[in-house]
N, C-alpha and C. Protein backbone atom coordinates (compact mmCIF):
# COMPACT_ATOMS: atom_id res chain seq x y z
N UNK A 1 -54.38 80.90 77.59
CA UNK A 1 -52.93 80.83 77.54
C UNK A 1 -52.45 79.38 77.66
N UNK A 2 -53.06 78.61 78.57
CA UNK A 2 -52.67 77.21 78.76
C UNK A 2 -52.92 76.42 77.48
N UNK A 3 -54.03 76.71 76.81
CA UNK A 3 -54.35 76.00 75.57
C UNK A 3 -53.28 76.28 74.51
N UNK A 4 -52.84 77.53 74.40
CA UNK A 4 -51.80 77.87 73.44
C UNK A 4 -50.49 77.15 73.77
N UNK A 5 -50.17 77.08 75.07
CA UNK A 5 -48.96 76.37 75.49
C UNK A 5 -49.04 74.90 75.11
N UNK A 6 -50.19 74.27 75.36
CA UNK A 6 -50.37 72.85 75.02
C UNK A 6 -50.20 72.62 73.52
N UNK A 7 -50.76 73.52 72.71
CA UNK A 7 -50.63 73.40 71.25
C UNK A 7 -49.16 73.55 70.86
N UNK A 8 -48.49 74.55 71.41
CA UNK A 8 -47.06 74.76 71.12
C UNK A 8 -46.25 73.53 71.54
N UNK A 9 -46.48 73.04 72.76
CA UNK A 9 -45.75 71.89 73.28
C UNK A 9 -45.93 70.68 72.38
N UNK A 10 -47.17 70.44 71.96
CA UNK A 10 -47.44 69.30 71.09
C UNK A 10 -46.72 69.46 69.75
N UNK A 11 -46.74 70.67 69.21
CA UNK A 11 -46.08 70.91 67.92
C UNK A 11 -44.58 70.70 68.01
N UNK A 12 -43.98 71.14 69.11
CA UNK A 12 -42.53 71.02 69.26
C UNK A 12 -42.12 69.62 69.69
N UNK A 13 -42.70 69.14 70.79
CA UNK A 13 -42.26 67.88 71.37
C UNK A 13 -43.08 66.69 70.89
N UNK A 14 -44.33 66.92 70.57
CA UNK A 14 -45.17 65.84 70.08
C UNK A 14 -44.67 65.29 68.77
N UNK A 15 -44.25 66.18 67.89
CA UNK A 15 -43.77 65.71 66.59
C UNK A 15 -42.46 64.94 66.75
N UNK A 16 -41.61 65.33 67.69
CA UNK A 16 -40.37 64.58 67.97
C UNK A 16 -40.71 63.19 68.47
N UNK A 17 -41.66 63.12 69.39
CA UNK A 17 -42.09 61.83 69.94
C UNK A 17 -42.68 60.95 68.83
N UNK A 18 -43.50 61.56 67.96
CA UNK A 18 -44.09 60.81 66.85
C UNK A 18 -43.01 60.30 65.90
N UNK A 19 -41.98 61.12 65.66
CA UNK A 19 -40.89 60.71 64.80
C UNK A 19 -40.13 59.53 65.40
N UNK A 20 -39.84 59.60 66.70
CA UNK A 20 -39.17 58.49 67.39
C UNK A 20 -40.03 57.23 67.29
N UNK A 21 -41.32 57.38 67.48
CA UNK A 21 -42.23 56.24 67.40
C UNK A 21 -42.23 55.63 66.00
N UNK A 22 -42.33 56.47 64.98
CA UNK A 22 -42.31 55.97 63.60
C UNK A 22 -41.01 55.22 63.31
N UNK A 23 -39.88 55.81 63.71
CA UNK A 23 -38.59 55.16 63.48
C UNK A 23 -38.49 53.84 64.24
N UNK A 24 -38.99 53.81 65.46
CA UNK A 24 -38.93 52.61 66.29
C UNK A 24 -39.79 51.49 65.71
N UNK A 25 -40.95 51.83 65.20
CA UNK A 25 -41.88 50.83 64.68
C UNK A 25 -41.51 50.37 63.28
N UNK A 26 -40.58 51.07 62.65
CA UNK A 26 -40.16 50.68 61.30
C UNK A 26 -39.06 49.63 61.41
N UNK A 27 -39.30 48.48 60.86
CA UNK A 27 -38.31 47.40 60.87
C UNK A 27 -37.97 47.06 59.43
N UNK A 28 -36.72 47.16 59.10
CA UNK A 28 -36.25 46.82 57.76
C UNK A 28 -36.03 45.31 57.68
N UNK A 29 -36.32 44.75 56.54
CA UNK A 29 -36.05 43.34 56.32
C UNK A 29 -34.55 43.12 56.39
N UNK A 30 -34.14 42.09 57.15
CA UNK A 30 -32.70 41.85 57.28
C UNK A 30 -32.42 40.40 57.70
N UNK A 31 -31.19 40.00 57.47
CA UNK A 31 -30.74 38.66 57.88
C UNK A 31 -30.19 38.75 59.30
N UNK A 32 -30.37 37.66 60.05
CA UNK A 32 -29.84 37.59 61.41
C UNK A 32 -29.23 36.21 61.63
N UNK A 33 -28.25 36.18 62.54
CA UNK A 33 -27.65 34.91 62.97
C UNK A 33 -28.21 34.59 64.35
N UNK A 34 -28.80 33.41 64.48
CA UNK A 34 -29.31 32.94 65.77
C UNK A 34 -28.78 31.53 65.95
N UNK A 35 -27.95 31.34 66.96
CA UNK A 35 -27.33 30.02 67.23
C UNK A 35 -26.70 29.43 65.97
N UNK A 36 -25.88 30.20 65.30
CA UNK A 36 -25.11 29.77 64.13
C UNK A 36 -25.96 29.40 62.91
N UNK A 37 -27.18 29.84 62.86
CA UNK A 37 -28.03 29.64 61.68
C UNK A 37 -28.49 31.02 61.20
N UNK A 38 -28.63 31.16 59.90
CA UNK A 38 -29.04 32.42 59.31
C UNK A 38 -30.53 32.40 59.01
N UNK A 39 -31.22 33.46 59.43
CA UNK A 39 -32.65 33.60 59.21
C UNK A 39 -32.91 34.98 58.61
N UNK A 40 -34.13 35.17 58.16
CA UNK A 40 -34.56 36.43 57.58
C UNK A 40 -35.69 36.99 58.45
N UNK A 41 -35.55 38.21 58.94
CA UNK A 41 -36.55 38.86 59.78
C UNK A 41 -37.20 39.98 58.98
N UNK A 42 -38.51 40.08 59.08
CA UNK A 42 -39.24 41.12 58.35
C UNK A 42 -40.51 41.48 59.10
N UNK A 43 -41.05 42.63 58.76
CA UNK A 43 -42.37 43.00 59.24
C UNK A 43 -43.38 42.06 58.58
N UNK A 44 -44.36 41.62 59.33
CA UNK A 44 -45.38 40.73 58.77
C UNK A 44 -46.21 41.48 57.73
N UNK A 45 -46.56 40.77 56.68
CA UNK A 45 -47.40 41.30 55.61
C UNK A 45 -48.71 40.52 55.56
N UNK A 46 -49.69 41.07 54.89
CA UNK A 46 -50.97 40.36 54.75
C UNK A 46 -50.76 38.99 54.09
N UNK A 47 -49.80 38.89 53.18
CA UNK A 47 -49.54 37.62 52.51
C UNK A 47 -48.95 36.57 53.45
N UNK A 48 -48.48 36.98 54.62
CA UNK A 48 -47.95 36.03 55.62
C UNK A 48 -49.05 35.38 56.45
N UNK A 49 -50.24 35.93 56.43
CA UNK A 49 -51.31 35.47 57.33
C UNK A 49 -51.61 33.98 57.20
N UNK A 50 -51.75 33.42 56.00
CA UNK A 50 -52.03 31.97 55.93
C UNK A 50 -50.95 31.13 56.62
N UNK A 51 -49.68 31.51 56.47
CA UNK A 51 -48.60 30.76 57.13
C UNK A 51 -48.62 30.97 58.64
N UNK A 52 -49.00 32.17 59.09
CA UNK A 52 -49.10 32.43 60.52
C UNK A 52 -50.18 31.53 61.14
N UNK A 53 -51.28 31.39 60.43
CA UNK A 53 -52.36 30.52 60.91
C UNK A 53 -51.90 29.07 60.94
N UNK A 54 -51.12 28.65 59.94
CA UNK A 54 -50.60 27.28 59.93
C UNK A 54 -49.65 27.03 61.11
N UNK A 55 -48.86 28.03 61.46
CA UNK A 55 -47.99 27.89 62.64
C UNK A 55 -48.84 27.73 63.89
N UNK A 56 -49.89 28.54 63.99
CA UNK A 56 -50.80 28.39 65.14
C UNK A 56 -51.36 26.97 65.21
N UNK A 57 -51.80 26.45 64.08
CA UNK A 57 -52.36 25.09 64.07
C UNK A 57 -51.32 24.06 64.51
N UNK A 58 -50.10 24.25 64.07
CA UNK A 58 -49.03 23.31 64.45
C UNK A 58 -48.75 23.40 65.95
N UNK A 59 -48.81 24.59 66.50
CA UNK A 59 -48.52 24.81 67.92
C UNK A 59 -49.68 24.41 68.82
N UNK A 60 -50.91 24.68 68.37
CA UNK A 60 -52.09 24.48 69.21
C UNK A 60 -52.93 23.27 68.78
N UNK A 61 -52.29 22.17 68.48
CA UNK A 61 -52.96 20.89 68.20
C UNK A 61 -54.10 21.01 67.19
N UNK A 62 -53.81 21.65 66.07
CA UNK A 62 -54.79 21.76 65.00
C UNK A 62 -55.74 22.93 65.10
N UNK A 63 -55.70 23.66 66.20
CA UNK A 63 -56.57 24.82 66.39
C UNK A 63 -55.80 26.10 66.05
N UNK A 64 -56.51 27.06 65.50
CA UNK A 64 -55.92 28.38 65.23
C UNK A 64 -56.69 29.40 66.05
N UNK A 65 -56.13 29.85 67.18
CA UNK A 65 -56.84 30.81 68.03
C UNK A 65 -57.23 32.09 67.30
N UNK A 66 -56.42 32.52 66.35
CA UNK A 66 -56.72 33.72 65.59
C UNK A 66 -57.04 33.32 64.15
N UNK A 67 -58.04 33.99 63.56
CA UNK A 67 -58.35 33.73 62.16
C UNK A 67 -57.73 34.83 61.29
N UNK A 68 -57.92 34.71 59.98
CA UNK A 68 -57.30 35.68 59.07
C UNK A 68 -57.82 37.09 59.29
N UNK A 69 -59.10 37.23 59.66
CA UNK A 69 -59.66 38.56 59.92
C UNK A 69 -58.98 39.22 61.11
N UNK A 70 -58.76 38.45 62.18
CA UNK A 70 -58.10 39.01 63.37
C UNK A 70 -56.68 39.48 63.03
N UNK A 71 -55.93 38.64 62.31
CA UNK A 71 -54.57 39.04 61.92
C UNK A 71 -54.60 40.26 61.00
N UNK A 72 -55.51 40.27 60.03
CA UNK A 72 -55.58 41.41 59.09
C UNK A 72 -55.89 42.70 59.84
N UNK A 73 -56.82 42.63 60.81
CA UNK A 73 -57.14 43.82 61.60
C UNK A 73 -55.91 44.33 62.36
N UNK A 74 -55.12 43.42 62.89
CA UNK A 74 -53.91 43.81 63.61
C UNK A 74 -52.89 44.46 62.66
N UNK A 75 -52.68 43.85 61.50
CA UNK A 75 -51.67 44.36 60.56
C UNK A 75 -52.05 45.72 59.98
N UNK A 76 -53.34 46.01 59.94
CA UNK A 76 -53.78 47.33 59.44
C UNK A 76 -53.41 48.45 60.39
N UNK A 77 -53.24 48.15 61.65
CA UNK A 77 -53.00 49.18 62.67
C UNK A 77 -51.49 49.40 62.85
N UNK A 78 -50.87 49.99 61.86
CA UNK A 78 -49.42 50.15 61.85
C UNK A 78 -48.89 51.13 62.88
N UNK A 79 -49.72 52.05 63.37
CA UNK A 79 -49.23 53.05 64.32
C UNK A 79 -49.03 52.48 65.72
N UNK A 80 -49.84 51.49 66.10
CA UNK A 80 -49.72 50.96 67.46
C UNK A 80 -49.58 49.44 67.52
N UNK A 81 -49.31 48.81 66.39
CA UNK A 81 -49.09 47.37 66.36
C UNK A 81 -47.80 47.08 65.59
N UNK A 82 -47.10 46.04 66.01
CA UNK A 82 -45.92 45.60 65.28
C UNK A 82 -45.93 44.08 65.26
N UNK A 83 -45.92 43.53 64.07
CA UNK A 83 -45.86 42.08 63.86
C UNK A 83 -44.63 41.77 63.03
N UNK A 84 -43.84 40.81 63.51
CA UNK A 84 -42.62 40.41 62.83
C UNK A 84 -42.66 38.92 62.54
N UNK A 85 -41.98 38.53 61.47
CA UNK A 85 -41.87 37.12 61.11
C UNK A 85 -40.41 36.75 60.93
N UNK A 86 -40.12 35.47 61.14
CA UNK A 86 -38.80 34.91 60.86
C UNK A 86 -38.98 33.82 59.80
N UNK A 87 -38.16 33.90 58.78
CA UNK A 87 -38.18 32.91 57.69
C UNK A 87 -36.80 32.28 57.53
N UNK A 88 -36.81 31.08 56.98
CA UNK A 88 -35.57 30.42 56.54
C UNK A 88 -35.92 29.69 55.25
N UNK A 89 -35.13 29.93 54.24
CA UNK A 89 -35.39 29.34 52.92
C UNK A 89 -36.84 29.57 52.49
N UNK A 90 -37.31 30.78 52.69
CA UNK A 90 -38.64 31.24 52.31
C UNK A 90 -39.79 30.54 53.05
N UNK A 91 -39.48 29.83 54.15
CA UNK A 91 -40.52 29.19 54.97
C UNK A 91 -40.69 29.99 56.25
N UNK A 92 -41.92 30.35 56.57
CA UNK A 92 -42.19 31.09 57.79
C UNK A 92 -42.08 30.14 58.97
N UNK A 93 -41.21 30.46 59.93
CA UNK A 93 -40.94 29.59 61.07
C UNK A 93 -41.51 30.12 62.38
N UNK A 94 -41.63 31.45 62.49
CA UNK A 94 -42.05 32.05 63.76
C UNK A 94 -42.57 33.45 63.52
N UNK A 95 -43.41 33.91 64.46
CA UNK A 95 -43.88 35.29 64.39
C UNK A 95 -44.19 35.79 65.79
N UNK A 96 -44.23 37.11 65.91
CA UNK A 96 -44.60 37.78 67.16
C UNK A 96 -45.40 39.02 66.81
N UNK A 97 -46.34 39.35 67.70
CA UNK A 97 -47.12 40.57 67.53
C UNK A 97 -47.22 41.30 68.85
N UNK A 98 -47.26 42.62 68.77
CA UNK A 98 -47.35 43.42 69.99
C UNK A 98 -48.17 44.67 69.74
N UNK A 99 -48.90 45.08 70.79
CA UNK A 99 -49.61 46.34 70.82
C UNK A 99 -48.77 47.32 71.64
N UNK A 100 -48.57 48.51 71.12
CA UNK A 100 -47.81 49.54 71.82
C UNK A 100 -48.79 50.63 72.24
N UNK A 101 -49.10 50.66 73.53
CA UNK A 101 -50.12 51.56 74.07
C UNK A 101 -49.45 52.80 74.66
N UNK A 102 -49.60 53.92 73.97
CA UNK A 102 -49.00 55.18 74.42
C UNK A 102 -49.58 55.65 75.75
N UNK A 103 -50.85 55.38 75.98
CA UNK A 103 -51.52 55.84 77.19
C UNK A 103 -50.96 55.14 78.43
N UNK A 104 -50.85 53.81 78.37
CA UNK A 104 -50.37 53.05 79.54
C UNK A 104 -48.87 52.86 79.53
N UNK A 105 -48.21 53.17 78.39
CA UNK A 105 -46.76 53.00 78.21
C UNK A 105 -46.38 51.52 78.38
N UNK A 106 -47.25 50.65 77.83
CA UNK A 106 -47.04 49.21 77.90
C UNK A 106 -47.02 48.63 76.49
N UNK A 107 -46.06 47.74 76.25
CA UNK A 107 -46.03 46.96 75.03
C UNK A 107 -46.60 45.59 75.40
N UNK A 108 -47.75 45.25 74.83
CA UNK A 108 -48.41 43.99 75.17
C UNK A 108 -48.20 42.99 74.04
N UNK A 109 -47.54 41.89 74.37
CA UNK A 109 -47.33 40.83 73.38
C UNK A 109 -48.68 40.13 73.17
N UNK A 110 -49.22 40.27 71.98
CA UNK A 110 -50.53 39.70 71.68
C UNK A 110 -50.45 38.26 71.20
N UNK A 111 -49.34 37.93 70.56
CA UNK A 111 -49.23 36.61 69.96
C UNK A 111 -47.77 36.32 69.66
N UNK A 112 -47.34 35.11 69.99
CA UNK A 112 -46.01 34.65 69.61
C UNK A 112 -46.10 33.15 69.40
N UNK A 113 -45.52 32.67 68.30
CA UNK A 113 -45.56 31.24 68.02
C UNK A 113 -44.36 30.86 67.16
N UNK A 114 -43.83 29.67 67.44
CA UNK A 114 -42.70 29.12 66.69
C UNK A 114 -43.08 27.70 66.29
N UNK A 115 -42.85 27.34 65.02
CA UNK A 115 -43.13 25.97 64.59
C UNK A 115 -42.48 24.99 65.56
N UNK A 116 -43.19 23.95 65.96
CA UNK A 116 -42.65 23.01 66.95
C UNK A 116 -41.25 22.48 66.61
N UNK A 117 -41.01 22.16 65.34
CA UNK A 117 -39.69 21.61 64.97
C UNK A 117 -38.57 22.65 65.00
N UNK A 118 -38.92 23.93 65.19
CA UNK A 118 -37.91 24.98 65.28
C UNK A 118 -37.87 25.62 66.67
N UNK A 119 -38.61 25.05 67.62
CA UNK A 119 -38.55 25.55 68.99
C UNK A 119 -37.23 25.15 69.63
N UNK A 120 -36.85 25.85 70.67
CA UNK A 120 -35.58 25.64 71.40
C UNK A 120 -34.36 25.96 70.55
N UNK A 121 -34.53 26.83 69.57
CA UNK A 121 -33.40 27.29 68.74
C UNK A 121 -33.16 28.78 68.90
N UNK A 122 -33.86 29.41 69.86
CA UNK A 122 -33.63 30.81 70.13
C UNK A 122 -34.51 31.77 69.35
N UNK A 123 -35.43 31.26 68.52
CA UNK A 123 -36.25 32.15 67.69
C UNK A 123 -37.23 32.96 68.54
N UNK A 124 -37.91 32.31 69.47
CA UNK A 124 -38.85 33.02 70.34
C UNK A 124 -38.15 34.05 71.19
N UNK A 125 -37.00 33.67 71.76
CA UNK A 125 -36.22 34.60 72.58
C UNK A 125 -35.78 35.80 71.75
N UNK A 126 -35.35 35.56 70.52
CA UNK A 126 -34.92 36.63 69.64
C UNK A 126 -36.07 37.60 69.37
N UNK A 127 -37.25 37.07 69.03
CA UNK A 127 -38.40 37.92 68.74
C UNK A 127 -38.83 38.71 69.97
N UNK A 128 -38.83 38.05 71.12
CA UNK A 128 -39.17 38.77 72.37
C UNK A 128 -38.15 39.88 72.62
N UNK A 129 -36.88 39.61 72.36
CA UNK A 129 -35.84 40.61 72.54
C UNK A 129 -36.07 41.85 71.70
N UNK A 130 -36.53 41.66 70.46
CA UNK A 130 -36.82 42.81 69.60
C UNK A 130 -37.94 43.65 70.21
N UNK A 131 -39.00 43.01 70.66
CA UNK A 131 -40.13 43.76 71.22
C UNK A 131 -39.75 44.49 72.50
N UNK A 132 -38.93 43.85 73.33
CA UNK A 132 -38.46 44.50 74.55
C UNK A 132 -37.61 45.72 74.20
N UNK A 133 -36.74 45.56 73.22
CA UNK A 133 -35.89 46.67 72.80
C UNK A 133 -36.73 47.83 72.26
N UNK A 134 -37.76 47.52 71.47
CA UNK A 134 -38.64 48.57 70.94
C UNK A 134 -39.33 49.31 72.08
N UNK A 135 -39.82 48.56 73.08
CA UNK A 135 -40.48 49.20 74.22
C UNK A 135 -39.52 50.12 74.96
N UNK A 136 -38.27 49.70 75.12
CA UNK A 136 -37.28 50.55 75.78
C UNK A 136 -37.00 51.80 74.96
N UNK A 137 -36.90 51.66 73.64
CA UNK A 137 -36.65 52.81 72.78
C UNK A 137 -37.78 53.84 72.87
N UNK A 138 -38.99 53.35 73.12
CA UNK A 138 -40.14 54.25 73.26
C UNK A 138 -40.33 54.76 74.68
N UNK A 139 -39.39 54.39 75.57
CA UNK A 139 -39.47 54.81 76.98
C UNK A 139 -40.71 54.26 77.68
N UNK A 140 -41.10 53.06 77.32
CA UNK A 140 -42.26 52.44 77.96
C UNK A 140 -41.90 51.93 79.33
N UNK A 141 -42.93 51.73 80.16
CA UNK A 141 -42.74 51.25 81.53
C UNK A 141 -42.71 49.73 81.63
N UNK A 142 -43.38 49.05 80.67
CA UNK A 142 -43.50 47.60 80.82
C UNK A 142 -43.77 46.91 79.49
N UNK A 143 -43.53 45.59 79.52
CA UNK A 143 -43.93 44.68 78.45
C UNK A 143 -44.75 43.61 79.14
N UNK A 144 -45.93 43.33 78.62
CA UNK A 144 -46.82 42.37 79.29
C UNK A 144 -47.30 41.32 78.30
N UNK A 145 -47.84 40.23 78.86
CA UNK A 145 -48.39 39.15 78.04
C UNK A 145 -49.20 38.22 78.90
N UNK A 146 -49.96 37.36 78.24
CA UNK A 146 -50.63 36.25 78.90
C UNK A 146 -50.06 34.97 78.31
N UNK A 147 -49.98 33.94 79.14
CA UNK A 147 -49.48 32.64 78.68
C UNK A 147 -50.31 31.56 79.36
N UNK A 148 -50.56 30.50 78.63
CA UNK A 148 -51.32 29.38 79.21
C UNK A 148 -50.61 28.86 80.46
N UNK A 149 -51.38 28.57 81.50
CA UNK A 149 -50.76 28.06 82.72
C UNK A 149 -50.08 26.72 82.48
N UNK A 150 -50.52 25.98 81.47
CA UNK A 150 -49.91 24.68 81.16
C UNK A 150 -48.63 24.81 80.34
N UNK A 151 -48.36 25.99 79.79
CA UNK A 151 -47.20 26.17 78.91
C UNK A 151 -45.97 26.54 79.73
N UNK A 152 -45.42 25.55 80.40
CA UNK A 152 -44.25 25.76 81.28
C UNK A 152 -43.01 26.20 80.51
N UNK A 153 -42.86 25.69 79.29
CA UNK A 153 -41.69 26.03 78.47
C UNK A 153 -41.67 27.53 78.16
N UNK A 154 -42.81 28.07 77.76
CA UNK A 154 -42.90 29.50 77.46
C UNK A 154 -42.71 30.32 78.73
N UNK A 155 -43.31 29.88 79.83
CA UNK A 155 -43.16 30.60 81.09
C UNK A 155 -41.70 30.66 81.52
N UNK A 156 -40.96 29.58 81.29
CA UNK A 156 -39.53 29.58 81.63
C UNK A 156 -38.79 30.62 80.79
N UNK A 157 -39.08 30.67 79.50
CA UNK A 157 -38.46 31.67 78.63
C UNK A 157 -38.74 33.07 79.16
N UNK A 158 -40.00 33.35 79.48
CA UNK A 158 -40.35 34.69 79.95
C UNK A 158 -39.67 35.02 81.28
N UNK A 159 -39.59 34.05 82.16
CA UNK A 159 -38.89 34.29 83.44
C UNK A 159 -37.40 34.53 83.20
N UNK A 160 -36.82 33.80 82.25
CA UNK A 160 -35.41 34.03 81.90
C UNK A 160 -35.19 35.44 81.38
N UNK A 161 -36.24 36.03 80.79
CA UNK A 161 -36.17 37.41 80.28
C UNK A 161 -36.59 38.42 81.35
N UNK A 162 -36.74 37.96 82.60
CA UNK A 162 -37.07 38.79 83.76
C UNK A 162 -38.53 39.21 83.86
N UNK A 163 -39.43 38.49 83.18
CA UNK A 163 -40.86 38.71 83.39
C UNK A 163 -41.22 38.09 84.73
N UNK A 164 -42.21 38.66 85.37
CA UNK A 164 -42.73 38.08 86.61
C UNK A 164 -44.23 37.91 86.49
N UNK A 165 -44.73 36.86 87.11
CA UNK A 165 -46.17 36.62 87.09
C UNK A 165 -46.86 37.59 88.03
N UNK A 166 -47.92 38.23 87.51
CA UNK A 166 -48.64 39.23 88.31
C UNK A 166 -50.07 38.82 88.62
N UNK A 167 -50.53 37.73 88.04
CA UNK A 167 -51.89 37.29 88.29
C UNK A 167 -52.30 36.14 87.41
N UNK A 168 -53.55 35.73 87.56
CA UNK A 168 -54.14 34.66 86.76
C UNK A 168 -55.46 35.17 86.19
N UNK A 169 -55.70 34.89 84.91
CA UNK A 169 -57.00 35.18 84.30
C UNK A 169 -57.70 33.84 84.14
N UNK A 170 -58.75 33.63 84.92
CA UNK A 170 -59.48 32.36 84.91
C UNK A 170 -60.28 32.20 83.61
N UNK A 171 -60.19 31.01 83.01
CA UNK A 171 -60.96 30.70 81.81
C UNK A 171 -60.68 31.60 80.64
N UNK A 172 -59.46 32.12 80.54
CA UNK A 172 -59.10 33.16 79.56
C UNK A 172 -59.18 32.69 78.11
N UNK A 173 -58.73 31.48 77.84
CA UNK A 173 -58.59 31.03 76.44
C UNK A 173 -59.90 30.50 75.87
N UNK A 174 -60.18 30.96 74.67
CA UNK A 174 -61.38 30.56 73.95
C UNK A 174 -61.30 29.06 73.63
N UNK A 175 -62.40 28.39 73.71
CA UNK A 175 -62.44 26.96 73.38
C UNK A 175 -62.32 26.10 74.61
N UNK A 176 -61.08 25.96 75.11
CA UNK A 176 -60.87 25.07 76.26
C UNK A 176 -60.96 25.80 77.61
N UNK A 177 -61.06 27.11 77.59
CA UNK A 177 -61.21 27.94 78.80
C UNK A 177 -60.07 27.75 79.81
N UNK A 178 -58.89 27.44 79.29
CA UNK A 178 -57.73 27.31 80.18
C UNK A 178 -57.39 28.67 80.79
N UNK A 179 -56.87 28.64 81.99
CA UNK A 179 -56.44 29.87 82.66
C UNK A 179 -55.17 30.41 82.00
N UNK A 180 -54.99 31.72 82.12
CA UNK A 180 -53.79 32.38 81.62
C UNK A 180 -53.04 33.01 82.78
N UNK A 181 -51.73 32.91 82.74
CA UNK A 181 -50.88 33.62 83.70
C UNK A 181 -50.55 34.98 83.10
N UNK A 182 -50.83 36.04 83.85
CA UNK A 182 -50.42 37.39 83.45
C UNK A 182 -48.95 37.53 83.82
N UNK A 183 -48.14 37.99 82.88
CA UNK A 183 -46.72 38.20 83.16
C UNK A 183 -46.31 39.58 82.68
N UNK A 184 -45.43 40.22 83.44
CA UNK A 184 -45.00 41.58 83.12
C UNK A 184 -43.50 41.70 83.31
N UNK A 185 -42.87 42.41 82.39
CA UNK A 185 -41.47 42.81 82.52
C UNK A 185 -41.50 44.31 82.77
N UNK A 186 -41.07 44.71 83.95
CA UNK A 186 -41.00 46.14 84.28
C UNK A 186 -39.67 46.68 83.78
N UNK A 187 -39.74 47.71 82.95
CA UNK A 187 -38.52 48.27 82.35
C UNK A 187 -37.94 49.31 83.29
N UNK A 188 -36.66 49.24 83.49
CA UNK A 188 -35.97 50.15 84.40
C UNK A 188 -35.73 51.49 83.73
N UNK A 189 -35.86 52.54 84.48
CA UNK A 189 -35.70 53.92 83.97
C UNK A 189 -34.34 54.11 83.31
N UNK A 190 -33.28 53.63 83.96
CA UNK A 190 -31.93 53.91 83.47
C UNK A 190 -31.62 53.23 82.13
N UNK A 191 -32.40 52.21 81.74
CA UNK A 191 -32.15 51.53 80.46
C UNK A 191 -33.04 52.05 79.35
N UNK A 192 -33.86 53.05 79.63
CA UNK A 192 -34.80 53.52 78.64
C UNK A 192 -34.26 54.70 77.85
N UNK A 193 -33.22 54.49 77.12
CA UNK A 193 -32.64 55.56 76.30
C UNK A 193 -33.35 55.59 74.95
N UNK A 194 -33.47 56.78 74.38
CA UNK A 194 -34.06 56.91 73.05
C UNK A 194 -32.98 57.39 72.09
N UNK A 195 -32.00 56.54 71.86
CA UNK A 195 -30.85 56.89 71.02
C UNK A 195 -31.26 57.61 69.76
């Protein structure tokens, strides 16, 4: 009897949850105004990968922490990954990626980068805002990320968004083995509406 109930429950409520998830993860290409400038926001495509790697190189002193295979593997996983890009005049300026884990109810920011000459213009904050909003729409408990302990500018942005540091991962980053600060934004129950 319990098995039949579980099957019924999944059919009735599981499909609703899956529909909400599909709608939440679907992002239509659109224009946005950020600090009086117009940009174009879209879901990342495989054709964006070379530019995403170039942004990484610009941000990380010529190094690209992720290669094209890593990005391609992420973009293939459309059910639990969301990658967005921001463009202006057809030039990719910034991107963000997140894993949405149904089991832990956590949206984990896997990667975020903004071209150095476009930093401090609100692009990173805007992209983080989208991911936080998506996590709230899915009724998630948290949004998490790791950030280099030396990246004070990014840490300030995350703290401004109400993230708190929860720990340190020693030697986390490949190559230079820099430590990472674990940061988490705990989402409040009352703000988790699924409109």
